[in-house]
Amino acid sequence: MSESDVSMKDLVAYIANALVDETTRIDINEIEGNQTNIIELRVAKEDIGKVIGRQGRTADAIRTIINCAAAKLSKRYILQIIDE
């Protein structure tokens, strides 16, 4: 499987599925821009703390993984965790 076969959206979905309890309420939207793509992650209100983590450490770790994968693709991604 080459790196073009797996999208960043799939990567975020995989990570979110491992973290949250209510996997059916995961919603991921990718907004493509000229230089930067934005990935919006929505999870159940009860799971938002699991995705963000203590002092934002889990969210920072997810962003680091995305940035490393994006560097290989020569793109820039921003992860937004949306609290509803």
N, C-alpha and C. Protein backbone atom coordinates (compact mmCIF):
# COMPACT_ATOMS: atom_id res chain seq x y z
N MET A 1 0.85 -1.18 0.00
CA MET A 1 0.00 0.00 0.00
C MET A 1 0.89 1.24 0.00
N SER A 2 0.72 2.13 -0.96
CA SER A 2 1.53 3.34 -1.02
C SER A 2 0.91 4.43 -0.18
N GLU A 3 1.68 5.52 0.06
CA GLU A 3 1.16 6.58 0.91
C GLU A 3 -0.02 7.31 0.28
N SER A 4 -0.16 7.24 -1.04
CA SER A 4 -1.29 7.90 -1.69
C SER A 4 -2.60 7.13 -1.48
N ASP A 5 -2.51 5.87 -1.06
CA ASP A 5 -3.70 5.06 -0.83
C ASP A 5 -4.40 5.42 0.48
N VAL A 6 -3.68 6.02 1.40
CA VAL A 6 -4.25 6.36 2.70
C VAL A 6 -4.32 7.87 2.81
N SER A 7 -5.51 8.40 3.09
CA SER A 7 -5.66 9.85 3.21
C SER A 7 -5.47 10.27 4.67
N MET A 8 -5.25 11.54 4.86
CA MET A 8 -5.12 12.08 6.22
C MET A 8 -6.43 11.90 6.98
N LYS A 9 -7.52 12.00 6.25
CA LYS A 9 -8.84 11.81 6.86
C LYS A 9 -8.95 10.40 7.44
N ASP A 10 -8.46 9.41 6.70
CA ASP A 10 -8.46 8.03 7.19
C ASP A 10 -7.55 7.86 8.40
N LEU A 11 -6.42 8.54 8.38
CA LEU A 11 -5.48 8.47 9.49
C LEU A 11 -6.11 9.03 10.76
N VAL A 12 -6.75 10.20 10.65
CA VAL A 12 -7.41 10.81 11.81
C VAL A 12 -8.55 9.92 12.30
N ALA A 13 -9.30 9.32 11.37
CA ALA A 13 -10.40 8.43 11.74
C ALA A 13 -9.87 7.22 12.51
N TYR A 14 -8.77 6.67 12.05
CA TYR A 14 -8.16 5.51 12.72
C TYR A 14 -7.75 5.85 14.15
N ILE A 15 -7.11 6.99 14.32
CA ILE A 15 -6.66 7.41 15.65
C ILE A 15 -7.87 7.70 16.55
N ALA A 16 -8.85 8.42 16.02
CA ALA A 16 -10.05 8.76 16.81
C ALA A 16 -10.81 7.51 17.23
N ASN A 17 -10.90 6.53 16.34
CA ASN A 17 -11.59 5.27 16.68
C ASN A 17 -10.92 4.57 17.85
N ALA A 18 -9.61 4.68 17.93
CA ALA A 18 -8.87 4.03 19.02
C ALA A 18 -9.06 4.76 20.36
N LEU A 19 -9.41 6.05 20.30
CA LEU A 19 -9.48 6.84 21.52
C LEU A 19 -10.88 6.94 22.14
N VAL A 20 -11.91 7.02 21.32
CA VAL A 20 -13.24 7.33 21.83
C VAL A 20 -14.07 6.07 22.10
N ASP A 21 -15.11 6.24 22.91
CA ASP A 21 -16.04 5.15 23.20
C ASP A 21 -17.15 5.07 22.15
N GLU A 22 -17.67 6.22 21.76
CA GLU A 22 -18.78 6.26 20.80
C GLU A 22 -18.24 6.49 19.39
N THR A 23 -17.80 5.41 18.77
CA THR A 23 -17.16 5.52 17.44
C THR A 23 -18.15 5.91 16.35
N THR A 24 -19.43 5.67 16.57
CA THR A 24 -20.43 6.02 15.54
C THR A 24 -20.65 7.51 15.44
N ARG A 25 -20.22 8.26 16.44
CA ARG A 25 -20.43 9.71 16.44
C ARG A 25 -19.21 10.49 16.01
N ILE A 26 -18.24 9.82 15.41
CA ILE A 26 -17.06 10.50 14.88
C ILE A 26 -17.43 11.08 13.52
N ASP A 27 -17.14 12.37 13.35
CA ASP A 27 -17.39 13.04 12.07
C ASP A 27 -16.12 13.79 11.68
N ILE A 28 -15.61 13.48 10.50
CA ILE A 28 -14.37 14.11 10.03
C ILE A 28 -14.65 14.76 8.69
N ASN A 29 -14.27 16.03 8.60
CA ASN A 29 -14.46 16.79 7.38
C ASN A 29 -13.12 17.38 6.96
N GLU A 30 -12.78 17.24 5.70
CA GLU A 30 -11.51 17.78 5.20
C GLU A 30 -11.80 18.94 4.26
N ILE A 31 -11.20 20.09 4.56
CA ILE A 31 -11.35 21.27 3.73
C ILE A 31 -10.02 21.50 3.04
N GLU A 32 -10.02 21.43 1.72
CA GLU A 32 -8.78 21.57 0.96
C GLU A 32 -8.58 23.02 0.54
N GLY A 33 -7.39 23.52 0.81
CA GLY A 33 -7.01 24.86 0.40
C GLY A 33 -5.86 24.79 -0.58
N ASN A 34 -5.36 25.95 -0.98
CA ASN A 34 -4.24 25.99 -1.94
C ASN A 34 -2.98 25.39 -1.35
N GLN A 35 -2.62 25.81 -0.14
CA GLN A 35 -1.39 25.34 0.48
C GLN A 35 -1.64 24.51 1.74
N THR A 36 -2.77 24.75 2.38
CA THR A 36 -3.06 24.10 3.65
C THR A 36 -4.42 23.44 3.62
N ASN A 37 -4.49 22.22 4.12
CA ASN A 37 -5.75 21.51 4.26
C ASN A 37 -6.13 21.50 5.74
N ILE A 38 -7.42 21.66 6.01
CA ILE A 38 -7.91 21.66 7.38
C ILE A 38 -8.74 20.40 7.58
N ILE A 39 -8.45 19.70 8.66
CA ILE A 39 -9.23 18.51 9.02
C ILE A 39 -10.00 18.85 10.29
N GLU A 40 -11.34 18.81 10.18
CA GLU A 40 -12.20 19.08 11.32
C GLU A 40 -12.63 17.74 11.92
N LEU A 41 -12.42 17.61 13.22
CA LEU A 41 -12.79 16.38 13.92
C LEU A 41 -13.86 16.70 14.95
N ARG A 42 -15.00 16.01 14.81
CA ARG A 42 -16.08 16.13 15.78
C ARG A 42 -16.32 14.77 16.41
N VAL A 43 -16.43 14.76 17.73
CA VAL A 43 -16.74 13.52 18.46
C VAL A 43 -17.85 13.82 19.45
N ALA A 44 -18.37 12.78 20.08
CA ALA A 44 -19.41 12.96 21.09
C ALA A 44 -18.87 13.83 22.23
N LYS A 45 -19.78 14.59 22.82
CA LYS A 45 -19.38 15.51 23.90
C LYS A 45 -18.67 14.77 25.03
N GLU A 46 -19.08 13.53 25.29
CA GLU A 46 -18.48 12.74 26.37
C GLU A 46 -17.05 12.31 26.02
N ASP A 47 -16.71 12.29 24.75
CA ASP A 47 -15.39 11.82 24.31
C ASP A 47 -14.40 12.93 24.00
N ILE A 48 -14.84 14.18 24.08
CA ILE A 48 -13.96 15.29 23.69
C ILE A 48 -12.69 15.34 24.55
N GLY A 49 -12.83 15.01 25.83
CA GLY A 49 -11.67 15.01 26.71
C GLY A 49 -10.65 13.94 26.37
N LYS A 50 -11.14 12.82 25.84
CA LYS A 50 -10.24 11.74 25.45
C LYS A 50 -9.42 12.12 24.22
N VAL A 51 -10.01 12.91 23.34
CA VAL A 51 -9.31 13.32 22.12
C VAL A 51 -8.33 14.45 22.42
N ILE A 52 -8.70 15.34 23.34
CA ILE A 52 -7.82 16.47 23.67
C ILE A 52 -6.74 16.05 24.65
N GLY A 53 -7.10 15.27 25.67
CA GLY A 53 -6.12 14.81 26.65
C GLY A 53 -5.79 15.86 27.69
N ARG A 54 -4.98 15.48 28.65
CA ARG A 54 -4.58 16.40 29.70
C ARG A 54 -3.66 17.47 29.13
N GLN A 55 -4.03 18.71 29.37
CA GLN A 55 -3.29 19.88 28.89
C GLN A 55 -3.07 19.82 27.37
N GLY A 56 -3.97 19.13 26.66
CA GLY A 56 -3.89 19.09 25.21
C GLY A 56 -2.81 18.18 24.65
N ARG A 57 -2.28 17.32 25.48
CA ARG A 57 -1.17 16.46 25.04
C ARG A 57 -1.57 15.47 23.97
N THR A 58 -2.75 14.87 24.10
CA THR A 58 -3.20 13.90 23.09
C THR A 58 -3.44 14.60 21.77
N ALA A 59 -4.09 15.76 21.80
CA ALA A 59 -4.33 16.53 20.58
C ALA A 59 -3.01 16.92 19.92
N ASP A 60 -2.04 17.34 20.73
CA ASP A 60 -0.72 17.70 20.19
C ASP A 60 -0.05 16.49 19.55
N ALA A 61 -0.20 15.33 20.17
CA ALA A 61 0.40 14.11 19.61
C ALA A 61 -0.24 13.75 18.27
N ILE A 62 -1.56 13.89 18.18
CA ILE A 62 -2.25 13.62 16.91
C ILE A 62 -1.76 14.59 15.85
N ARG A 63 -1.63 15.86 16.20
CA ARG A 63 -1.14 16.87 15.26
C ARG A 63 0.28 16.55 14.80
N THR A 64 1.11 16.06 15.70
CA THR A 64 2.48 15.69 15.34
C THR A 64 2.49 14.55 14.33
N ILE A 65 1.66 13.55 14.56
CA ILE A 65 1.56 12.42 13.62
C ILE A 65 1.11 12.91 12.26
N ILE A 66 0.09 13.78 12.24
CA ILE A 66 -0.42 14.31 10.98
C ILE A 66 0.66 15.12 10.26
N ASN A 67 1.38 15.95 11.00
CA ASN A 67 2.43 16.76 10.38
C ASN A 67 3.55 15.91 9.80
N CYS A 68 3.90 14.84 10.48
CA CYS A 68 4.94 13.94 9.97
C CYS A 68 4.49 13.25 8.69
N ALA A 69 3.25 12.79 8.68
CA ALA A 69 2.72 12.13 7.48
C ALA A 69 2.55 13.14 6.35
N ALA A 70 2.15 14.36 6.68
CA ALA A 70 1.95 15.39 5.67
C ALA A 70 3.27 15.82 5.05
N ALA A 71 4.33 15.83 5.84
CA ALA A 71 5.65 16.21 5.33
C ALA A 71 6.10 15.25 4.23
N LYS A 72 5.75 14.00 4.40
CA LYS A 72 6.09 13.00 3.39
C LYS A 72 5.35 13.26 2.09
N LEU A 73 4.14 13.84 2.20
CA LEU A 73 3.33 14.16 1.04
C LEU A 73 3.57 15.58 0.53
N SER A 74 4.46 16.31 1.21
CA SER A 74 4.77 17.71 0.89
C SER A 74 3.53 18.59 0.95
N LYS A 75 2.73 18.39 1.98
CA LYS A 75 1.53 19.19 2.20
C LYS A 75 1.50 19.66 3.64
N ARG A 76 0.58 20.58 3.93
CA ARG A 76 0.42 21.08 5.29
C ARG A 76 -1.02 20.84 5.73
N TYR A 77 -1.18 20.30 6.92
CA TYR A 77 -2.50 20.02 7.46
C TYR A 77 -2.66 20.66 8.83
N ILE A 78 -3.88 21.11 9.11
CA ILE A 78 -4.23 21.64 10.42
C ILE A 78 -5.38 20.80 10.95
N LEU A 79 -5.25 20.33 12.19
CA LEU A 79 -6.32 19.58 12.83
C LEU A 79 -7.10 20.51 13.75
N GLN A 80 -8.41 20.59 13.53
CA GLN A 80 -9.27 21.36 14.41
C GLN A 80 -10.23 20.37 15.10
N ILE A 81 -10.19 20.38 16.41
CA ILE A 81 -11.12 19.56 17.18
C ILE A 81 -12.27 20.46 17.57
N ILE A 82 -13.45 20.14 17.06
CA ILE A 82 -14.60 21.02 17.21
C ILE A 82 -15.47 20.51 18.35
N ASP A 83 -15.71 21.40 19.29
CA ASP A 83 -16.55 21.09 20.46
C ASP A 83 -17.95 21.64 20.19
N GLU A 84 -18.93 20.77 20.23
CA GLU A 84 -20.31 21.20 19.96
C GLU A 84 -21.12 21.16 21.21
